[in-house]
Amino acid sequence: MAGRSVKKLMSVSVFDRIVPNLVAVILFCTFILPWAGTGPLWNQVVKQKYDICKSTWWRNLLFIQNYFGSENLVSVIAAFL
């Protein structure tokens, strides 16, 4: 019985460590990244990521982003969560 409670506590602990960082990445990609740089292709590349983040942020928080295809990922790193 003690083994189950330890595993449950460890999974909650991992979840508590991952979610705030994922929220920070989503907020960065949505609100800060569009204003963080310039260049001839900046608006094309960043606007695409901005639109994806703005419309699919909820998929990442529920950890179901991999079921919708790799073209709609907020971050490539988020695909491994």
PDB file of N, CA and C in Angstrom:
ATOM      1  N   MET A   1       0.809  -1.194   0.000  1.00  0.00           N
ATOM      2  CA  MET A   1       0.000   0.000   0.000  1.00  0.00           C
ATOM      3  C   MET A   1       0.854   1.261   0.000  1.00  0.00           C
ATOM      4  N   ALA A   2       1.974   1.225   0.695  1.00  0.00           N
ATOM      5  CA  ALA A   2       2.838   2.400   0.771  1.00  0.00           C
ATOM      6  C   ALA A   2       3.474   2.705  -0.580  1.00  0.00           C
ATOM      7  N   GLY A   3       3.722   1.669  -1.366  1.00  0.00           N
ATOM      8  CA  GLY A   3       4.311   1.865  -2.690  1.00  0.00           C
ATOM      9  C   GLY A   3       3.405   2.662  -3.612  1.00  0.00           C
ATOM     10  N   ARG A   4       2.107   2.420  -3.527  1.00  0.00           N
ATOM     11  CA  ARG A   4       1.156   3.156  -4.360  1.00  0.00           C
ATOM     12  C   ARG A   4       1.113   4.624  -3.987  1.00  0.00           C
ATOM     13  N   SER A   5       1.132   4.920  -2.704  1.00  0.00           N
ATOM     14  CA  SER A   5       1.061   6.325  -2.284  1.00  0.00           C
ATOM     15  C   SER A   5       2.331   7.071  -2.669  1.00  0.00           C
ATOM     16  N   VAL A   6       3.478   6.410  -2.623  1.00  0.00           N
ATOM     17  CA  VAL A   6       4.725   7.051  -3.036  1.00  0.00           C
ATOM     18  C   VAL A   6       4.691   7.349  -4.525  1.00  0.00           C
ATOM     19  N   LYS A   7       4.225   6.398  -5.335  1.00  0.00           N
ATOM     20  CA  LYS A   7       4.133   6.628  -6.774  1.00  0.00           C
ATOM     21  C   LYS A   7       3.152   7.749  -7.088  1.00  0.00           C
ATOM     22  N   LYS A   8       2.055   7.791  -6.363  1.00  0.00           N
ATOM     23  CA  LYS A   8       1.069   8.852  -6.570  1.00  0.00           C
ATOM     24  C   LYS A   8       1.660  10.210  -6.217  1.00  0.00           C
ATOM     25  N   LEU A   9       2.380  10.297  -5.115  1.00  0.00           N
ATOM     26  CA  LEU A   9       3.014  11.548  -4.724  1.00  0.00           C
ATOM     27  C   LEU A   9       4.080  11.972  -5.720  1.00  0.00           C
ATOM     28  N   MET A  10       4.826  11.005  -6.260  1.00  0.00           N
ATOM     29  CA  MET A  10       5.852  11.335  -7.242  1.00  0.00           C
ATOM     30  C   MET A  10       5.230  11.855  -8.526  1.00  0.00           C
ATOM     31  N   SER A  11       4.123  11.272  -8.966  1.00  0.00           N
ATOM     32  CA  SER A  11       3.485  11.728 -10.195  1.00  0.00           C
ATOM     33  C   SER A  11       2.887  13.119 -10.006  1.00  0.00           C
ATOM     34  N   VAL A  12       2.329  13.396  -8.857  1.00  0.00           N
ATOM     35  CA  VAL A  12       1.807  14.738  -8.578  1.00  0.00           C
ATOM     36  C   VAL A  12       2.949  15.732  -8.538  1.00  0.00           C
ATOM     37  N   SER A  13       4.058  15.349  -7.955  1.00  0.00           N
ATOM     38  CA  SER A  13       5.212  16.221  -7.879  1.00  0.00           C
ATOM     39  C   SER A  13       5.750  16.552  -9.267  1.00  0.00           C
ATOM     40  N   VAL A  14       5.835  15.566 -10.134  1.00  0.00           N
ATOM     41  CA  VAL A  14       6.298  15.800 -11.504  1.00  0.00           C
ATOM     42  C   VAL A  14       5.330  16.729 -12.231  1.00  0.00           C
ATOM     43  N   PHE A  15       4.047  16.499 -12.064  1.00  0.00           N
ATOM     44  CA  PHE A  15       3.041  17.346 -12.698  1.00  0.00           C
ATOM     45  C   PHE A  15       3.155  18.783 -12.207  1.00  0.00           C
ATOM     46  N   ASP A  16       3.369  18.956 -10.920  1.00  0.00           N
ATOM     47  CA  ASP A  16       3.504  20.299 -10.347  1.00  0.00           C
ATOM     48  C   ASP A  16       4.765  21.006 -10.828  1.00  0.00           C
ATOM     49  N   ARG A  17       5.776  20.258 -11.213  1.00  0.00           N
ATOM     50  CA  ARG A  17       7.000  20.871 -11.726  1.00  0.00           C
ATOM     51  C   ARG A  17       6.900  21.201 -13.207  1.00  0.00           C
ATOM     52  N   ILE A  18       6.162  20.436 -13.973  1.00  0.00           N
ATOM     53  CA  ILE A  18       6.101  20.632 -15.419  1.00  0.00           C
ATOM     54  C   ILE A  18       5.120  21.730 -15.815  1.00  0.00           C
ATOM     55  N   VAL A  19       3.947  21.756 -15.222  1.00  0.00           N
ATOM     56  CA  VAL A  19       2.885  22.673 -15.654  1.00  0.00           C
ATOM     57  C   VAL A  19       3.282  24.150 -15.552  1.00  0.00           C
ATOM     58  N   PRO A  20       3.876  24.629 -14.464  1.00  0.00           N
ATOM     59  CA  PRO A  20       4.252  26.050 -14.432  1.00  0.00           C
ATOM     60  C   PRO A  20       5.261  26.430 -15.517  1.00  0.00           C
ATOM     61  N   ASN A  21       6.183  25.527 -15.813  1.00  0.00           N
ATOM     62  CA  ASN A  21       7.148  25.806 -16.879  1.00  0.00           C
ATOM     63  C   ASN A  21       6.483  25.822 -18.249  1.00  0.00           C
ATOM     64  N   LEU A  22       5.540  24.921 -18.456  1.00  0.00           N
ATOM     65  CA  LEU A  22       4.810  24.900 -19.717  1.00  0.00           C
ATOM     66  C   LEU A  22       3.969  26.163 -19.882  1.00  0.00           C
ATOM     67  N   VAL A  23       3.351  26.610 -18.809  1.00  0.00           N
ATOM     68  CA  VAL A  23       2.584  27.864 -18.856  1.00  0.00           C
ATOM     69  C   VAL A  23       3.506  29.030 -19.194  1.00  0.00           C
ATOM     70  N   ALA A  24       4.698  29.042 -18.638  1.00  0.00           N
ATOM     71  CA  ALA A  24       5.654  30.109 -18.939  1.00  0.00           C
ATOM     72  C   ALA A  24       6.042  30.108 -20.416  1.00  0.00           C
ATOM     73  N   VAL A  25       6.257  28.942 -20.993  1.00  0.00           N
ATOM     74  CA  VAL A  25       6.601  28.860 -22.422  1.00  0.00           C
ATOM     75  C   VAL A  25       5.440  29.338 -23.284  1.00  0.00           C
ATOM     76  N   ILE A  26       4.228  28.930 -22.941  1.00  0.00           N
ATOM     77  CA  ILE A  26       3.051  29.344 -23.708  1.00  0.00           C
ATOM     78  C   ILE A  26       2.873  30.860 -23.633  1.00  0.00           C
ATOM     79  N   LEU A  27       3.007  31.423 -22.441  1.00  0.00           N
ATOM     80  CA  LEU A  27       2.880  32.879 -22.286  1.00  0.00           C
ATOM     81  C   LEU A  27       3.975  33.619 -23.037  1.00  0.00           C
ATOM     82  N   PHE A  28       5.187  33.091 -23.008  1.00  0.00           N
ATOM     83  CA  PHE A  28       6.285  33.714 -23.738  1.00  0.00           C
ATOM     84  C   PHE A  28       6.021  33.695 -25.242  1.00  0.00           C
ATOM     85  N   CYS A  29       5.628  32.544 -25.770  1.00  0.00           N
ATOM     86  CA  CYS A  29       5.370  32.428 -27.214  1.00  0.00           C
ATOM     87  C   CYS A  29       4.187  33.277 -27.654  1.00  0.00           C
ATOM     88  N   THR A  30       3.229  33.496 -26.760  1.00  0.00           N
ATOM     89  CA  THR A  30       2.024  34.230 -27.128  1.00  0.00           C
ATOM     90  C   THR A  30       2.182  35.742 -26.980  1.00  0.00           C
ATOM     91  N   PHE A  31       2.829  36.198 -25.922  1.00  0.00           N
ATOM     92  CA  PHE A  31       2.836  37.626 -25.634  1.00  0.00           C
ATOM     93  C   PHE A  31       4.181  38.318 -25.797  1.00  0.00           C
ATOM     94  N   ILE A  32       5.294  37.651 -25.563  1.00  0.00           N
ATOM     95  CA  ILE A  32       6.599  38.310 -25.592  1.00  0.00           C
ATOM     96  C   ILE A  32       7.329  38.083 -26.907  1.00  0.00           C
ATOM     97  N   LEU A  33       7.312  36.884 -27.427  1.00  0.00           N
ATOM     98  CA  LEU A  33       8.066  36.545 -28.632  1.00  0.00           C
ATOM     99  C   LEU A  33       7.738  37.423 -29.843  1.00  0.00           C
ATOM    100  N   PRO A  34       6.483  37.774 -30.109  1.00  0.00           N
ATOM    101  CA  PRO A  34       6.214  38.631 -31.270  1.00  0.00           C
ATOM    102  C   PRO A  34       6.901  39.993 -31.206  1.00  0.00           C
ATOM    103  N   TRP A  35       7.214  40.466 -30.015  1.00  0.00           N
ATOM    104  CA  TRP A  35       7.844  41.777 -29.861  1.00  0.00           C
ATOM    105  C   TRP A  35       9.337  41.680 -29.572  1.00  0.00           C
ATOM    106  N   ALA A  36       9.910  40.492 -29.587  1.00  0.00           N
ATOM    107  CA  ALA A  36      11.288  40.293 -29.143  1.00  0.00           C
ATOM    108  C   ALA A  36      12.345  40.473 -30.229  1.00  0.00           C
ATOM    109  N   GLY A  37      11.974  40.605 -31.470  1.00  0.00           N
ATOM    110  CA  GLY A  37      12.994  40.709 -32.502  1.00  0.00           C
ATOM    111  C   GLY A  37      12.498  41.369 -33.770  1.00  0.00           C
ATOM    112  N   THR A  38      13.405  41.501 -34.706  1.00  0.00           N
ATOM    113  CA  THR A  38      13.088  42.090 -36.000  1.00  0.00           C
ATOM    114  C   THR A  38      13.826  41.312 -37.081  1.00  0.00           C
ATOM    115  N   GLY A  39      13.515  41.643 -38.308  1.00  0.00           N
ATOM    116  CA  GLY A  39      14.187  41.016 -39.431  1.00  0.00           C
ATOM    117  C   GLY A  39      13.228  40.812 -40.579  1.00  0.00           C
ATOM    118  N   PRO A  40      13.767  40.486 -41.746  1.00  0.00           N
ATOM    119  CA  PRO A  40      12.913  40.356 -42.922  1.00  0.00           C
ATOM    120  C   PRO A  40      11.914  39.200 -42.843  1.00  0.00           C
ATOM    121  N   LEU A  41      12.256  38.116 -42.168  1.00  0.00           N
ATOM    122  CA  LEU A  41      11.355  36.971 -42.064  1.00  0.00           C
ATOM    123  C   LEU A  41      10.757  36.814 -40.670  1.00  0.00           C
ATOM    124  N   TRP A  42      11.077  37.739 -39.774  1.00  0.00           N
ATOM    125  CA  TRP A  42      10.633  37.616 -38.394  1.00  0.00           C
ATOM    126  C   TRP A  42       9.115  37.524 -38.291  1.00  0.00           C
ATOM    127  N   ASN A  43       8.413  38.443 -38.949  1.00  0.00           N
ATOM    128  CA  ASN A  43       6.950  38.454 -38.852  1.00  0.00           C
ATOM    129  C   ASN A  43       6.318  37.198 -39.435  1.00  0.00           C
ATOM    130  N   GLN A  44       6.875  36.672 -40.509  1.00  0.00           N
ATOM    131  CA  GLN A  44       6.305  35.460 -41.104  1.00  0.00           C
ATOM    132  C   GLN A  44       6.457  34.254 -40.180  1.00  0.00           C
ATOM    133  N   VAL A  45       7.639  34.083 -39.631  1.00  0.00           N
ATOM    134  CA  VAL A  45       7.910  32.918 -38.791  1.00  0.00           C
ATOM    135  C   VAL A  45       7.217  33.053 -37.441  1.00  0.00           C
ATOM    136  N   VAL A  46       7.364  34.208 -36.804  1.00  0.00           N
ATOM    137  CA  VAL A  46       6.827  34.386 -35.464  1.00  0.00           C
ATOM    138  C   VAL A  46       5.315  34.497 -35.480  1.00  0.00           C
ATOM    139  N   LYS A  47       4.746  35.127 -36.487  1.00  0.00           N
ATOM    140  CA  LYS A  47       3.285  35.245 -36.549  1.00  0.00           C
ATOM    141  C   LYS A  47       2.643  33.870 -36.651  1.00  0.00           C
ATOM    142  N   GLN A  48       3.267  32.968 -37.383  1.00  0.00           N
ATOM    143  CA  GLN A  48       2.737  31.603 -37.482  1.00  0.00           C
ATOM    144  C   GLN A  48       2.740  30.928 -36.104  1.00  0.00           C
ATOM    145  N   LYS A  49       3.847  31.026 -35.366  1.00  0.00           N
ATOM    146  CA  LYS A  49       3.914  30.441 -34.026  1.00  0.00           C
ATOM    147  C   LYS A  49       2.942  31.129 -33.075  1.00  0.00           C
ATOM    148  N   TYR A  50       2.828  32.441 -33.193  1.00  0.00           N
ATOM    149  CA  TYR A  50       1.911  33.211 -32.353  1.00  0.00           C
ATOM    150  C   TYR A  50       0.473  32.754 -32.565  1.00  0.00           C
ATOM    151  N   ASP A  51       0.077  32.591 -33.808  1.00  0.00           N
ATOM    152  CA  ASP A  51      -1.286  32.143 -34.108  1.00  0.00           C
ATOM    153  C   ASP A  51      -1.548  30.735 -33.562  1.00  0.00           C
ATOM    154  N   ILE A  52      -0.550  29.861 -33.688  1.00  0.00           N
ATOM    155  CA  ILE A  52      -0.693  28.502 -33.165  1.00  0.00           C
ATOM    156  C   ILE A  52      -0.820  28.534 -31.645  1.00  0.00           C
ATOM    157  N   CYS A  53       0.022  29.317 -30.990  1.00  0.00           N
ATOM    158  CA  CYS A  53      -0.037  29.407 -29.518  1.00  0.00           C
ATOM    159  C   CYS A  53      -1.366  29.978 -29.052  1.00  0.00           C
ATOM    160  N   LYS A  54      -1.833  30.973 -29.751  1.00  0.00           N
ATOM    161  CA  LYS A  54      -3.065  31.642 -29.337  1.00  0.00           C
ATOM    162  C   LYS A  54      -4.281  30.730 -29.486  1.00  0.00           C
ATOM    163  N   SER A  55      -4.273  29.870 -30.482  1.00  0.00           N
ATOM    164  CA  SER A  55      -5.450  29.034 -30.721  1.00  0.00           C
ATOM    165  C   SER A  55      -5.380  27.647 -30.081  1.00  0.00           C
ATOM    166  N   THR A  56      -4.194  27.141 -29.803  1.00  0.00           N
ATOM    167  CA  THR A  56      -4.089  25.763 -29.300  1.00  0.00           C
ATOM    168  C   THR A  56      -3.394  25.650 -27.948  1.00  0.00           C
ATOM    169  N   TRP A  57      -3.355  26.706 -27.175  1.00  0.00           N
ATOM    170  CA  TRP A  57      -2.671  26.660 -25.878  1.00  0.00           C
ATOM    171  C   TRP A  57      -3.311  25.643 -24.938  1.00  0.00           C
ATOM    172  N   TRP A  58      -4.621  25.471 -25.031  1.00  0.00           N
ATOM    173  CA  TRP A  58      -5.327  24.573 -24.124  1.00  0.00           C
ATOM    174  C   TRP A  58      -4.947  23.115 -24.352  1.00  0.00           C
ATOM    175  N   ARG A  59      -4.602  22.774 -25.604  1.00  0.00           N
ATOM    176  CA  ARG A  59      -4.184  21.396 -25.897  1.00  0.00           C
ATOM    177  C   ARG A  59      -2.894  21.051 -25.161  1.00  0.00           C
ATOM    178  N   ASN A  60      -2.004  22.020 -25.074  1.00  0.00           N
ATOM    179  CA  ASN A  60      -0.738  21.795 -24.391  1.00  0.00           C
ATOM    180  C   ASN A  60      -0.929  21.643 -22.891  1.00  0.00           C
ATOM    181  N   LEU A  61      -1.816  22.421 -22.313  1.00  0.00           N
ATOM    182  CA  LEU A  61      -2.048  22.309 -20.873  1.00  0.00           C
ATOM    183  C   LEU A  61      -2.726  20.998 -20.489  1.00  0.00           C
ATOM    184  N   LEU A  62      -3.478  20.429 -21.402  1.00  0.00           N
ATOM    185  CA  LEU A  62      -4.115  19.126 -21.149  1.00  0.00           C
ATOM    186  C   LEU A  62      -3.234  17.953 -21.583  1.00  0.00           C
ATOM    187  N   PHE A  63      -2.067  18.258 -22.165  1.00  0.00           N
ATOM    188  CA  PHE A  63      -1.115  17.255 -22.644  1.00  0.00           C
ATOM    189  C   PHE A  63      -1.715  16.339 -23.703  1.00  0.00           C
ATOM    190  N   ILE A  64      -2.501  16.909 -24.601  1.00  0.00           N
ATOM    191  CA  ILE A  64      -3.079  16.134 -25.710  1.00  0.00           C
ATOM    192  C   ILE A  64      -2.622  16.682 -27.058  1.00  0.00           C
ATOM    193  N   GLN A  65      -1.570  17.512 -27.074  1.00  0.00           N
ATOM    194  CA  GLN A  65      -1.124  18.163 -28.297  1.00  0.00           C
ATOM    195  C   GLN A  65      -0.618  17.182 -29.352  1.00  0.00           C
ATOM    196  N   ASN A  66      -0.124  16.028 -28.950  1.00  0.00           N
ATOM    197  CA  ASN A  66       0.422  15.071 -29.903  1.00  0.00           C
ATOM    198  C   ASN A  66      -0.650  14.385 -30.744  1.00  0.00           C
ATOM    199  N   TYR A  67      -1.886  14.433 -30.317  1.00  0.00           N
ATOM    200  CA  TYR A  67      -2.969  13.796 -31.057  1.00  0.00           C
ATOM    201  C   TYR A  67      -3.471  14.643 -32.221  1.00  0.00           C
ATOM    202  N   PHE A  68      -3.005  15.869 -32.339  1.00  0.00           N
ATOM    203  CA  PHE A  68      -3.503  16.779 -33.365  1.00  0.00           C
ATOM    204  C   PHE A  68      -2.491  17.094 -34.454  1.00  0.00           C
ATOM    205  N   GLY A  69      -1.378  16.446 -34.479  1.00  0.00           N
ATOM    206  CA  GLY A  69      -0.386  16.647 -35.520  1.00  0.00           C
ATOM    207  C   GLY A  69       0.739  17.572 -35.089  1.00  0.00           C
ATOM    208  N   SER A  70       1.888  17.383 -35.692  1.00  0.00           N
ATOM    209  CA  SER A  70       3.070  18.146 -35.283  1.00  0.00           C
ATOM    210  C   SER A  70       3.084  19.569 -35.823  1.00  0.00           C
ATOM    211  N   GLU A  71       2.240  19.891 -36.769  1.00  0.00           N
ATOM    212  CA  GLU A  71       2.227  21.257 -37.311  1.00  0.00           C
ATOM    213  C   GLU A  71       1.549  22.250 -36.372  1.00  0.00           C
ATOM    214  N   ASN A  72       0.859  21.769 -35.353  1.00  0.00           N
ATOM    215  CA  ASN A  72       0.148  22.649 -34.424  1.00  0.00           C
ATOM    216  C   ASN A  72       0.768  22.666 -33.036  1.00  0.00           C
ATOM    217  N   LEU A  73       2.060  22.435 -32.930  1.00  0.00           N
ATOM    218  CA  LEU A  73       2.726  22.434 -31.635  1.00  0.00           C
ATOM    219  C   LEU A  73       3.152  23.843 -31.256  1.00  0.00           C
ATOM    220  N   VAL A  74       2.955  24.200 -29.994  1.00  0.00           N
ATOM    221  CA  VAL A  74       3.430  25.485 -29.505  1.00  0.00           C
ATOM    222  C   VAL A  74       4.952  25.467 -29.466  1.00  0.00           C
ATOM    223  N   SER A  75       5.512  24.399 -28.991  1.00  0.00           N
ATOM    224  CA  SER A  75       6.954  24.240 -28.908  1.00  0.00           C
ATOM    225  C   SER A  75       7.282  22.788 -29.229  1.00  0.00           C
ATOM    226  N   VAL A  76       8.395  22.592 -29.892  1.00  0.00           N
ATOM    227  CA  VAL A  76       8.804  21.226 -30.221  1.00  0.00           C
ATOM    228  C   VAL A  76       9.094  20.447 -28.950  1.00  0.00           C
ATOM    229  N   ILE A  77       9.633  21.126 -27.957  1.00  0.00           N
ATOM    230  CA  ILE A  77       9.929  20.476 -26.685  1.00  0.00           C
ATOM    231  C   ILE A  77       8.649  19.977 -26.016  1.00  0.00           C
ATOM    232  N   ALA A  78       7.545  20.704 -26.187  1.00  0.00           N
ATOM    233  CA  ALA A  78       6.284  20.313 -25.561  1.00  0.00           C
ATOM    234  C   ALA A  78       5.765  18.986 -26.099  1.00  0.00           C
ATOM    235  N   ALA A  79       6.213  18.564 -27.252  1.00  0.00           N
ATOM    236  CA  ALA A  79       5.763  17.295 -27.818  1.00  0.00           C
ATOM    237  C   ALA A  79       6.238  16.116 -26.991  1.00  0.00           C
ATOM    238  N   PHE A  80       7.312  16.294 -26.235  1.00  0.00           N
ATOM    239  CA  PHE A  80       7.877  15.201 -25.450  1.00  0.00           C
ATOM    240  C   PHE A  80       7.288  15.109 -24.051  1.00  0.00           C
ATOM    241  N   LEU A  81       6.400  16.041 -23.693  1.00  0.00           N
ATOM    242  CA  LEU A  81       5.823  16.023 -22.342  1.00  0.00           C
ATOM    243  C   LEU A  81       4.643  15.080 -22.266  1.00  0.00           C
TER     244      LEU A  81
END
